[in-house]
Amino acid sequence: MTTKTFSLGGELTINRLGFGAMRLARGTFAGPARAPETGLAVLRRAVELGVNHIDTAGFYGRDTVWANELIRRALAPYRDDLVIATKVGPLPGPDGVPSGQATADQLRGLVEADLRSLGVDGLDLVYLRVGGMAGPGNESIGERFAVLAELRAEGLIRNLGVSNVDAVQLAEARRIAPVAAVQNRHSGDSGLLAESEKAGIAYVPYFPLGGGIGNGPPDAERLGKVAARLGATTAQVAIAALLAKSPSVLAIPGTGSLEHLEENLAADELHLSDEDLADLRG
């Protein structure tokens, strides 16, 4: 890493190792709800350990346990340096899996719901998440992104992002309004990462422990080899390797466990040598 921080939108300085809130309320989208007390403890400890970038969404939750409400209960009133990113677009089905997509007319209501659940007057960063559960591409995002641009002009959103997009969709969004962040599943998405770095756009891989080296995740054997050499865990090596790819990469590993939280955030102090990175790439 060349630096441990990133200037989001050229104005908000955040630590590149943040926290993803998806697993606070339940381990998987279709899994049972978790005890809210654990989620509250994880959030408070994350901020104590220096996290100032939390990635969430209004559809992260189940039954009576929802990530946004846990964030508000644990951390409000919020510290001035805390940046909360959310995403709108996916609509959960009866099973809780976000398999549907909101129309342009529905987006304002989703943003307003996030404002209420987080207890804020404005949102630091809002992603338009497109494509449902499928991969990126094959649809225009302009009409929907324009709605978020209008909300930004009204002062309800500070920065805009796009998620699960390809280069054509990113370009379409940038013609409408500035894009501060791209959140994609990183598996050989080197072209979009390079473009983001050149433009000063944050690149935020979701499922960060699932990839980040070369054209996909390093296998367990390579991770284990480097981890053993460094006296670290494989998760820590995977996070450090992801951050080493580019100064524009932000990592948001998520967990509902205090133990795993401490393990993940310790990766911020892990230095990977050229030999380590070469071994991970194979």
C-alpha atoms as a PDB file:
ATOM      1  CA  MET A   1       0.000   0.000   0.000  1.00  0.00           C
ATOM      2  CA  THR A   2       1.183   3.510  -0.769  1.00  0.00           C
ATOM      3  CA  THR A   3      -1.240   5.029   1.732  1.00  0.00           C
ATOM      4  CA  LYS A   4      -3.773   3.794   4.252  1.00  0.00           C
ATOM      5  CA  THR A   5      -6.354   6.442   3.401  1.00  0.00           C
ATOM      6  CA  PHE A   6      -8.351   7.527   0.372  1.00  0.00           C
ATOM      7  CA  SER A   7     -10.032  10.831  -0.462  1.00  0.00           C
ATOM      8  CA  LEU A   8     -13.588   9.880  -1.375  1.00  0.00           C
ATOM      9  CA  GLY A   9     -15.023  12.317  -3.872  1.00  0.00           C
ATOM     10  CA  GLY A  10     -11.952  14.456  -3.276  1.00  0.00           C
ATOM     11  CA  GLU A  11     -13.357  15.604   0.063  1.00  0.00           C
ATOM     12  CA  LEU A  12     -13.882  12.791   2.587  1.00  0.00           C
ATOM     13  CA  THR A  13     -10.732  11.132   3.956  1.00  0.00           C
ATOM     14  CA  ILE A  14     -11.453   7.536   4.894  1.00  0.00           C
ATOM     15  CA  ASN A  15      -9.345   4.582   5.935  1.00  0.00           C
ATOM     16  CA  ARG A  16      -8.981   2.096   3.080  1.00  0.00           C
ATOM     17  CA  LEU A  17      -9.811  -0.802   5.377  1.00  0.00           C
ATOM     18  CA  GLY A  18     -13.438  -0.381   6.348  1.00  0.00           C
ATOM     19  CA  PHE A  19     -16.346  -2.574   7.401  1.00  0.00           C
ATOM     20  CA  GLY A  20     -19.163  -4.220   5.458  1.00  0.00           C
ATOM     21  CA  ALA A  21     -22.454  -4.482   7.334  1.00  0.00           C
ATOM     22  CA  MET A  22     -24.110  -7.266   5.319  1.00  0.00           C
ATOM     23  CA  ARG A  23     -23.395  -9.978   7.905  1.00  0.00           C
ATOM     24  CA  LEU A  24     -24.463  -7.971  10.943  1.00  0.00           C
ATOM     25  CA  ALA A  25     -28.110  -8.950  10.818  1.00  0.00           C
ATOM     26  CA  ARG A  26     -27.692 -12.440   9.331  1.00  0.00           C
ATOM     27  CA  GLY A  27     -24.868 -14.576   8.000  1.00  0.00           C
ATOM     28  CA  THR A  28     -26.383 -14.944   4.526  1.00  0.00           C
ATOM     29  CA  PHE A  29     -29.317 -13.307   2.747  1.00  0.00           C
ATOM     30  CA  ALA A  30     -31.447 -16.404   3.312  1.00  0.00           C
ATOM     31  CA  GLY A  31     -30.095 -17.198   6.778  1.00  0.00           C
ATOM     32  CA  PRO A  32     -31.745 -16.622  10.159  1.00  0.00           C
ATOM     33  CA  ALA A  33     -31.509 -13.314  11.981  1.00  0.00           C
ATOM     34  CA  ARG A  34     -28.606 -12.838  14.366  1.00  0.00           C
ATOM     35  CA  ALA A  35     -28.783 -11.533  17.923  1.00  0.00           C
ATOM     36  CA  PRO A  36     -28.807  -7.715  17.663  1.00  0.00           C
ATOM     37  CA  GLU A  37     -26.622  -7.326  20.764  1.00  0.00           C
ATOM     38  CA  THR A  38     -23.721  -8.957  18.926  1.00  0.00           C
ATOM     39  CA  GLY A  39     -24.097  -6.632  15.962  1.00  0.00           C
ATOM     40  CA  LEU A  40     -24.111  -3.585  18.216  1.00  0.00           C
ATOM     41  CA  ALA A  41     -20.912  -4.766  19.923  1.00  0.00           C
ATOM     42  CA  VAL A  42     -19.195  -5.424  16.572  1.00  0.00           C
ATOM     43  CA  LEU A  43     -20.028  -1.953  15.262  1.00  0.00           C
ATOM     44  CA  ARG A  44     -18.806  -0.170  18.377  1.00  0.00           C
ATOM     45  CA  ARG A  45     -15.581  -2.151  18.406  1.00  0.00           C
ATOM     46  CA  ALA A  46     -15.007  -1.504  14.705  1.00  0.00           C
ATOM     47  CA  VAL A  47     -15.099   2.252  15.260  1.00  0.00           C
ATOM     48  CA  GLU A  48     -12.871   1.905  18.331  1.00  0.00           C
ATOM     49  CA  LEU A  49     -10.316   0.140  16.128  1.00  0.00           C
ATOM     50  CA  GLY A  50     -10.271   2.972  13.607  1.00  0.00           C
ATOM     51  CA  VAL A  51     -12.942   2.089  11.053  1.00  0.00           C
ATOM     52  CA  ASN A  52     -14.462   5.250   9.583  1.00  0.00           C
ATOM     53  CA  HIS A  53     -16.099   3.756   6.478  1.00  0.00           C
ATOM     54  CA  ILE A  54     -19.110   1.488   6.913  1.00  0.00           C
ATOM     55  CA  ASP A  55     -20.837  -0.035   3.898  1.00  0.00           C
ATOM     56  CA  THR A  56     -24.502  -0.953   4.369  1.00  0.00           C
ATOM     57  CA  ALA A  57     -27.849  -1.226   2.579  1.00  0.00           C
ATOM     58  CA  GLY A  58     -31.498  -0.969   3.505  1.00  0.00           C
ATOM     59  CA  PHE A  59     -32.061  -4.583   2.409  1.00  0.00           C
ATOM     60  CA  TYR A  60     -29.420  -5.990   4.789  1.00  0.00           C
ATOM     61  CA  GLY A  61     -31.546  -7.707   7.376  1.00  0.00           C
ATOM     62  CA  ARG A  62     -34.285 -10.134   8.260  1.00  0.00           C
ATOM     63  CA  ASP A  63     -37.341 -10.200  10.513  1.00  0.00           C
ATOM     64  CA  THR A  64     -36.741  -7.530  13.173  1.00  0.00           C
ATOM     65  CA  VAL A  65     -32.945  -7.253  12.783  1.00  0.00           C
ATOM     66  CA  TRP A  66     -31.692  -4.749  10.183  1.00  0.00           C
ATOM     67  CA  ALA A  67     -28.179  -3.447   9.630  1.00  0.00           C
ATOM     68  CA  ASN A  68     -29.145   0.224   9.296  1.00  0.00           C
ATOM     69  CA  GLU A  69     -31.024   0.205  12.579  1.00  0.00           C
ATOM     70  CA  LEU A  70     -28.096  -1.504  14.310  1.00  0.00           C
ATOM     71  CA  ILE A  71     -25.745   1.161  12.943  1.00  0.00           C
ATOM     72  CA  ARG A  72     -27.975   3.946  14.250  1.00  0.00           C
ATOM     73  CA  ARG A  73     -28.417   2.319  17.663  1.00  0.00           C
ATOM     74  CA  ALA A  74     -24.710   1.572  18.051  1.00  0.00           C
ATOM     75  CA  LEU A  75     -23.117   4.728  16.676  1.00  0.00           C
ATOM     76  CA  ALA A  76     -25.531   7.677  16.622  1.00  0.00           C
ATOM     77  CA  PRO A  77     -24.850  10.505  17.145  1.00  0.00           C
ATOM     78  CA  TYR A  78     -22.203   9.779  14.530  1.00  0.00           C
ATOM     79  CA  ARG A  79     -18.592  10.917  14.687  1.00  0.00           C
ATOM     80  CA  ASP A  80     -17.778  13.701  12.245  1.00  0.00           C
ATOM     81  CA  ASP A  81     -15.237  11.532  10.394  1.00  0.00           C
ATOM     82  CA  LEU A  82     -17.519   8.499   9.980  1.00  0.00           C
ATOM     83  CA  VAL A  83     -18.605   7.874   6.384  1.00  0.00           C
ATOM     84  CA  ILE A  84     -21.606   5.610   5.851  1.00  0.00           C
ATOM     85  CA  ALA A  85     -22.189   4.248   2.360  1.00  0.00           C
ATOM     86  CA  THR A  86     -25.452   2.626   1.348  1.00  0.00           C
ATOM     87  CA  LYS A  87     -26.857   1.172  -1.848  1.00  0.00           C
ATOM     88  CA  VAL A  88     -30.274   1.190  -3.462  1.00  0.00           C
ATOM     89  CA  GLY A  89     -31.788  -0.752  -6.326  1.00  0.00           C
ATOM     90  CA  PRO A  90     -32.185  -4.373  -5.201  1.00  0.00           C
ATOM     91  CA  LEU A  91     -35.606  -5.440  -3.909  1.00  0.00           C
ATOM     92  CA  PRO A  92     -35.788  -8.487  -1.624  1.00  0.00           C
ATOM     93  CA  GLY A  93     -38.138 -11.312  -2.532  1.00  0.00           C
ATOM     94  CA  PRO A  94     -40.236 -13.326  -0.038  1.00  0.00           C
ATOM     95  CA  ASP A  95     -37.176 -15.392   0.870  1.00  0.00           C
ATOM     96  CA  GLY A  96     -35.166 -12.275   1.742  1.00  0.00           C
ATOM     97  CA  VAL A  97     -32.828 -12.629  -1.232  1.00  0.00           C
ATOM     98  CA  PRO A  98     -32.520  -9.298  -3.141  1.00  0.00           C
ATOM     99  CA  SER A  99     -33.477 -10.734  -6.526  1.00  0.00           C
ATOM    100  CA  GLY A 100     -35.614  -7.867  -7.879  1.00  0.00           C
ATOM    101  CA  GLN A 101     -34.702  -4.406  -9.121  1.00  0.00           C
ATOM    102  CA  ALA A 102     -36.300  -1.081  -8.263  1.00  0.00           C
ATOM    103  CA  THR A 103     -37.569   1.151 -11.027  1.00  0.00           C
ATOM    104  CA  ALA A 104     -36.496   4.777 -11.333  1.00  0.00           C
ATOM    105  CA  ASP A 105     -39.768   5.820  -9.662  1.00  0.00           C
ATOM    106  CA  GLN A 106     -38.997   3.712  -6.597  1.00  0.00           C
ATOM    107  CA  LEU A 107     -35.489   4.998  -5.887  1.00  0.00           C
ATOM    108  CA  ARG A 108     -36.423   8.198  -4.067  1.00  0.00           C
ATOM    109  CA  GLY A 109     -38.475   6.188  -1.591  1.00  0.00           C
ATOM    110  CA  LEU A 110     -35.574   3.805  -0.982  1.00  0.00           C
ATOM    111  CA  VAL A 111     -33.169   6.686  -0.343  1.00  0.00           C
ATOM    112  CA  GLU A 112     -35.642   8.321   2.037  1.00  0.00           C
ATOM    113  CA  ALA A 113     -36.047   5.017   3.877  1.00  0.00           C
ATOM    114  CA  ASP A 114     -32.260   4.838   4.357  1.00  0.00           C
ATOM    115  CA  LEU A 115     -32.229   8.400   5.685  1.00  0.00           C
ATOM    116  CA  ARG A 116     -34.854   7.451   8.272  1.00  0.00           C
ATOM    117  CA  SER A 117     -33.350   4.118   9.313  1.00  0.00           C
ATOM    118  CA  LEU A 118     -29.851   5.580   9.702  1.00  0.00           C
ATOM    119  CA  GLY A 119     -31.187   8.718  11.392  1.00  0.00           C
ATOM    120  CA  VAL A 120     -29.418  11.240   9.160  1.00  0.00           C
ATOM    121  CA  ASP A 121     -30.401  14.263   7.072  1.00  0.00           C
ATOM    122  CA  GLY A 122     -28.030  13.348   4.236  1.00  0.00           C
ATOM    123  CA  LEU A 123     -26.194  10.264   3.041  1.00  0.00           C
ATOM    124  CA  ASP A 124     -22.412  10.335   2.518  1.00  0.00           C
ATOM    125  CA  LEU A 125     -22.374   7.866  -0.384  1.00  0.00           C
ATOM    126  CA  VAL A 126     -25.195   6.107  -2.232  1.00  0.00           C
ATOM    127  CA  TYR A 127     -24.544   3.412  -4.825  1.00  0.00           C
ATOM    128  CA  LEU A 128     -26.965   2.481  -7.560  1.00  0.00           C
ATOM    129  CA  ARG A 129     -26.754  -1.325  -7.466  1.00  0.00           C
ATOM    130  CA  VAL A 130     -27.937  -2.831 -10.730  1.00  0.00           C
ATOM    131  CA  GLY A 131     -28.265  -6.252 -12.306  1.00  0.00           C
ATOM    132  CA  GLY A 132     -30.060  -8.163  -9.569  1.00  0.00           C
ATOM    133  CA  MET A 133     -28.112 -11.300  -8.659  1.00  0.00           C
ATOM    134  CA  ALA A 134     -26.585 -11.507 -12.133  1.00  0.00           C
ATOM    135  CA  GLY A 135     -23.272 -10.075 -13.299  1.00  0.00           C
ATOM    136  CA  PRO A 136     -22.842  -6.574 -14.725  1.00  0.00           C
ATOM    137  CA  GLY A 137     -23.809  -5.297 -18.143  1.00  0.00           C
ATOM    138  CA  ASN A 138     -26.553  -5.508 -20.753  1.00  0.00           C
ATOM    139  CA  GLU A 139     -28.794  -2.713 -19.471  1.00  0.00           C
ATOM    140  CA  SER A 140     -28.890   1.062 -19.392  1.00  0.00           C
ATOM    141  CA  ILE A 141     -28.593   2.659 -15.959  1.00  0.00           C
ATOM    142  CA  GLY A 142     -29.022   6.284 -17.026  1.00  0.00           C
ATOM    143  CA  GLU A 143     -32.657   6.814 -16.020  1.00  0.00           C
ATOM    144  CA  ARG A 144     -32.110   5.369 -12.556  1.00  0.00           C
ATOM    145  CA  PHE A 145     -28.776   7.096 -11.964  1.00  0.00           C
ATOM    146  CA  ALA A 146     -30.339  10.419 -12.965  1.00  0.00           C
ATOM    147  CA  VAL A 147     -32.784  10.050 -10.068  1.00  0.00           C
ATOM    148  CA  LEU A 148     -29.900   9.764  -7.615  1.00  0.00           C
ATOM    149  CA  ALA A 149     -28.212  12.738  -9.288  1.00  0.00           C
ATOM    150  CA  GLU A 150     -31.358  14.770  -8.621  1.00  0.00           C
ATOM    151  CA  LEU A 151     -31.299  13.745  -4.960  1.00  0.00           C
ATOM    152  CA  ARG A 152     -27.647  14.776  -4.811  1.00  0.00           C
ATOM    153  CA  ALA A 153     -28.577  18.187  -6.219  1.00  0.00           C
ATOM    154  CA  GLU A 154     -31.219  18.471  -3.480  1.00  0.00           C
ATOM    155  CA  GLY A 155     -28.580  17.822  -0.815  1.00  0.00           C
ATOM    156  CA  LEU A 156     -29.876  14.428   0.309  1.00  0.00           C
ATOM    157  CA  ILE A 157     -26.796  12.623  -1.057  1.00  0.00           C
ATOM    158  CA  ARG A 158     -23.209  13.847  -0.877  1.00  0.00           C
ATOM    159  CA  ASN A 159     -21.489  11.361  -3.224  1.00  0.00           C
ATOM    160  CA  LEU A 160     -22.747   8.898  -5.831  1.00  0.00           C
ATOM    161  CA  GLY A 161     -21.517   5.426  -6.686  1.00  0.00           C
ATOM    162  CA  VAL A 162     -22.402   2.533  -8.971  1.00  0.00           C
ATOM    163  CA  SER A 163     -22.301  -1.161  -8.199  1.00  0.00           C
ATOM    164  CA  ASN A 164     -22.186  -4.320 -10.319  1.00  0.00           C
ATOM    165  CA  VAL A 165     -21.414  -2.358 -13.488  1.00  0.00           C
ATOM    166  CA  ASP A 166     -19.229  -2.681 -16.551  1.00  0.00           C
ATOM    167  CA  ALA A 167     -17.180   0.031 -18.277  1.00  0.00           C
ATOM    168  CA  VAL A 168     -20.073   1.098 -20.526  1.00  0.00           C
ATOM    169  CA  GLN A 169     -22.402   1.564 -17.559  1.00  0.00           C
ATOM    170  CA  LEU A 170     -19.774   3.487 -15.614  1.00  0.00           C
ATOM    171  CA  ALA A 171     -19.278   5.820 -18.558  1.00  0.00           C
ATOM    172  CA  GLU A 172     -23.035   6.294 -18.844  1.00  0.00           C
ATOM    173  CA  ALA A 173     -23.257   7.270 -15.175  1.00  0.00           C
ATOM    174  CA  ARG A 174     -20.300   9.665 -15.399  1.00  0.00           C
ATOM    175  CA  ARG A 175     -21.999  11.545 -18.222  1.00  0.00           C
ATOM    176  CA  ILE A 176     -24.853  12.314 -15.817  1.00  0.00           C
ATOM    177  CA  ALA A 177     -23.038  13.140 -12.563  1.00  0.00           C
ATOM    178  CA  PRO A 178     -19.667  12.599 -10.854  1.00  0.00           C
ATOM    179  CA  VAL A 179     -19.060   9.038  -9.660  1.00  0.00           C
ATOM    180  CA  ALA A 180     -17.073   8.732  -6.434  1.00  0.00           C
ATOM    181  CA  ALA A 181     -16.974   4.940  -6.085  1.00  0.00           C
ATOM    182  CA  VAL A 182     -17.465   1.670  -7.957  1.00  0.00           C
ATOM    183  CA  GLN A 183     -18.462  -1.425  -6.007  1.00  0.00           C
ATOM    184  CA  ASN A 184     -18.049  -4.650  -7.982  1.00  0.00           C
ATOM    185  CA  ARG A 185     -17.251  -8.258  -7.313  1.00  0.00           C
ATOM    186  CA  HIS A 186     -13.551  -8.293  -8.151  1.00  0.00           C
ATOM    187  CA  SER A 187     -12.537 -11.233 -10.330  1.00  0.00           C
ATOM    188  CA  GLY A 188     -10.198 -10.095 -13.023  1.00  0.00           C
ATOM    189  CA  ASP A 189     -11.864  -6.678 -13.341  1.00  0.00           C
ATOM    190  CA  SER A 190      -8.484  -5.043 -13.923  1.00  0.00           C
ATOM    191  CA  GLY A 191      -9.645  -2.713 -16.695  1.00  0.00           C
ATOM    192  CA  LEU A 192     -12.327  -1.067 -14.602  1.00  0.00           C
ATOM    193  CA  LEU A 193      -9.968  -0.872 -11.622  1.00  0.00           C
ATOM    194  CA  ALA A 194      -7.341   0.891 -13.753  1.00  0.00           C
ATOM    195  CA  GLU A 195      -9.938   3.308 -15.094  1.00  0.00           C
ATOM    196  CA  SER A 196     -11.179   4.055 -11.577  1.00  0.00           C
ATOM    197  CA  GLU A 197      -7.658   4.688 -10.303  1.00  0.00           C
ATOM    198  CA  LYS A 198      -6.932   7.070 -13.179  1.00  0.00           C
ATOM    199  CA  ALA A 199     -10.151   9.019 -12.511  1.00  0.00           C
ATOM    200  CA  GLY A 200      -9.706   9.188  -8.723  1.00  0.00           C
ATOM    201  CA  ILE A 201     -12.686   6.893  -8.179  1.00  0.00           C
ATOM    202  CA  ALA A 202     -12.677   4.443  -5.275  1.00  0.00           C
ATOM    203  CA  TYR A 203     -12.883   0.780  -6.253  1.00  0.00           C
ATOM    204  CA  VAL A 204     -14.647  -1.235  -3.552  1.00  0.00           C
ATOM    205  CA  PRO A 205     -14.776  -5.003  -4.106  1.00  0.00           C
ATOM    206  CA  TYR A 206     -17.656  -6.761  -2.423  1.00  0.00           C
ATOM    207  CA  PHE A 207     -17.012 -10.217  -1.001  1.00  0.00           C
ATOM    208  CA  PRO A 208     -13.425  -8.976  -0.483  1.00  0.00           C
ATOM    209  CA  LEU A 209     -12.204 -12.241   1.006  1.00  0.00           C
ATOM    210  CA  GLY A 210     -13.220 -14.029  -2.161  1.00  0.00           C
ATOM    211  CA  GLY A 211     -10.726 -12.436  -4.523  1.00  0.00           C
ATOM    212  CA  GLY A 212      -8.270  -9.739  -5.344  1.00  0.00           C
ATOM    213  CA  ILE A 213      -5.169 -11.257  -6.935  1.00  0.00           C
ATOM    214  CA  GLY A 214      -4.676 -11.528 -10.671  1.00  0.00           C
ATOM    215  CA  ASN A 215      -7.748 -12.976 -12.365  1.00  0.00           C
ATOM    216  CA  GLY A 216      -9.368 -14.247  -9.209  1.00  0.00           C
ATOM    217  CA  PRO A 217      -8.741 -15.310  -5.613  1.00  0.00           C
ATOM    218  CA  PRO A 218      -5.476 -17.005  -4.737  1.00  0.00           C
ATOM    219  CA  ASP A 219      -6.028 -20.615  -3.815  1.00  0.00           C
ATOM    220  CA  ALA A 220      -5.894 -21.817  -0.242  1.00  0.00           C
ATOM    221  CA  GLU A 221      -2.450 -23.359  -0.683  1.00  0.00           C
ATOM    222  CA  ARG A 222      -0.856 -20.092  -1.827  1.00  0.00           C
ATOM    223  CA  LEU A 223      -2.624 -18.082   0.871  1.00  0.00           C
ATOM    224  CA  GLY A 224      -1.547 -20.601   3.488  1.00  0.00           C
ATOM    225  CA  LYS A 225       2.076 -20.500   2.362  1.00  0.00           C
ATOM    226  CA  VAL A 226       2.311 -16.718   2.696  1.00  0.00           C
ATOM    227  CA  ALA A 227       0.292 -16.666   5.913  1.00  0.00           C
ATOM    228  CA  ALA A 228       2.609 -19.213   7.532  1.00  0.00           C
ATOM    229  CA  ARG A 229       5.670 -17.203   6.509  1.00  0.00           C
ATOM    230  CA  LEU A 230       4.232 -14.021   8.021  1.00  0.00           C
ATOM    231  CA  GLY A 231       2.607 -15.548  11.088  1.00  0.00           C
ATOM    232  CA  ALA A 232      -0.766 -14.281   9.886  1.00  0.00           C
ATOM    233  CA  THR A 233      -4.124 -15.803   8.992  1.00  0.00           C
ATOM    234  CA  THR A 234      -5.218 -16.492   5.419  1.00  0.00           C
ATOM    235  CA  ALA A 235      -7.989 -13.893   5.776  1.00  0.00           C
ATOM    236  CA  GLN A 236      -5.458 -11.246   6.781  1.00  0.00           C
ATOM    237  CA  VAL A 237      -3.242 -12.075   3.817  1.00  0.00           C
ATOM    238  CA  ALA A 238      -6.215 -11.929   1.425  1.00  0.00           C
ATOM    239  CA  ILE A 239      -7.218  -8.475   2.708  1.00  0.00           C
ATOM    240  CA  ALA A 240      -3.651  -7.140   2.603  1.00  0.00           C
ATOM    241  CA  ALA A 241      -3.201  -8.445  -0.927  1.00  0.00           C
ATOM    242  CA  LEU A 242      -6.380  -6.744  -2.041  1.00  0.00           C
ATOM    243  CA  LEU A 243      -5.235  -3.410  -0.625  1.00  0.00           C
ATOM    244  CA  ALA A 244      -1.853  -3.860  -2.292  1.00  0.00           C
ATOM    245  CA  LYS A 245      -3.421  -3.977  -5.757  1.00  0.00           C
ATOM    246  CA  SER A 246      -4.088  -0.242  -6.019  1.00  0.00           C
ATOM    247  CA  PRO A 247      -4.250   2.873  -3.821  1.00  0.00           C
ATOM    248  CA  SER A 248      -7.833   3.270  -5.072  1.00  0.00           C
ATOM    249  CA  VAL A 249      -9.005  -0.041  -3.594  1.00  0.00           C
ATOM    250  CA  LEU A 250     -11.085   0.073  -0.426  1.00  0.00           C
ATOM    251  CA  ALA A 251     -11.657  -3.187   1.441  1.00  0.00           C
ATOM    252  CA  ILE A 252     -14.913  -3.779   3.343  1.00  0.00           C
ATOM    253  CA  PRO A 253     -14.685  -7.227   4.960  1.00  0.00           C
ATOM    254  CA  GLY A 254     -17.808  -7.930   6.961  1.00  0.00           C
ATOM    255  CA  THR A 255     -18.535 -10.152   9.916  1.00  0.00           C
ATOM    256  CA  GLY A 256     -20.971 -10.690  12.733  1.00  0.00           C
ATOM    257  CA  SER A 257     -18.187 -11.865  15.054  1.00  0.00           C
ATOM    258  CA  LEU A 258     -15.987  -9.770  17.326  1.00  0.00           C
ATOM    259  CA  GLU A 259     -13.161 -12.285  16.939  1.00  0.00           C
ATOM    260  CA  HIS A 260     -13.249 -12.136  13.146  1.00  0.00           C
ATOM    261  CA  LEU A 261     -13.532  -8.341  13.238  1.00  0.00           C
ATOM    262  CA  GLU A 262     -10.307  -8.036  15.195  1.00  0.00           C
ATOM    263  CA  GLU A 263      -8.613 -10.532  12.881  1.00  0.00           C
ATOM    264  CA  ASN A 264      -9.724  -8.698   9.735  1.00  0.00           C
ATOM    265  CA  LEU A 265      -8.725  -5.233  10.919  1.00  0.00           C
ATOM    266  CA  ALA A 266      -5.278  -6.442  11.980  1.00  0.00           C
ATOM    267  CA  ALA A 267      -4.575  -6.906   8.260  1.00  0.00           C
ATOM    268  CA  ASP A 268      -4.039  -3.145   8.095  1.00  0.00           C
ATOM    269  CA  GLU A 269      -0.627  -3.678   9.727  1.00  0.00           C
ATOM    270  CA  LEU A 270       0.417  -6.578   7.494  1.00  0.00           C
ATOM    271  CA  HIS A 271       3.134  -5.823   4.943  1.00  0.00           C
ATOM    272  CA  LEU A 272       3.403  -8.033   1.883  1.00  0.00           C
ATOM    273  CA  SER A 273       6.767  -8.165   0.158  1.00  0.00           C
ATOM    274  CA  ASP A 274       7.278  -8.571  -3.566  1.00  0.00           C
ATOM    275  CA  GLU A 275       8.028 -12.222  -2.882  1.00  0.00           C
ATOM    276  CA  ASP A 276       4.733 -12.608  -1.003  1.00  0.00           C
ATOM    277  CA  LEU A 277       2.738 -11.015  -3.829  1.00  0.00           C
ATOM    278  CA  ALA A 278       4.504 -13.148  -6.428  1.00  0.00           C
ATOM    279  CA  ASP A 279       3.689 -16.296  -4.473  1.00  0.00           C
ATOM    280  CA  LEU A 280       0.030 -15.290  -4.245  1.00  0.00           C
ATOM    281  CA  ARG A 281      -0.187 -14.702  -7.971  1.00  0.00           C
ATOM    282  CA  GLY A 282       1.423 -18.044  -8.637  1.00  0.00           C
END
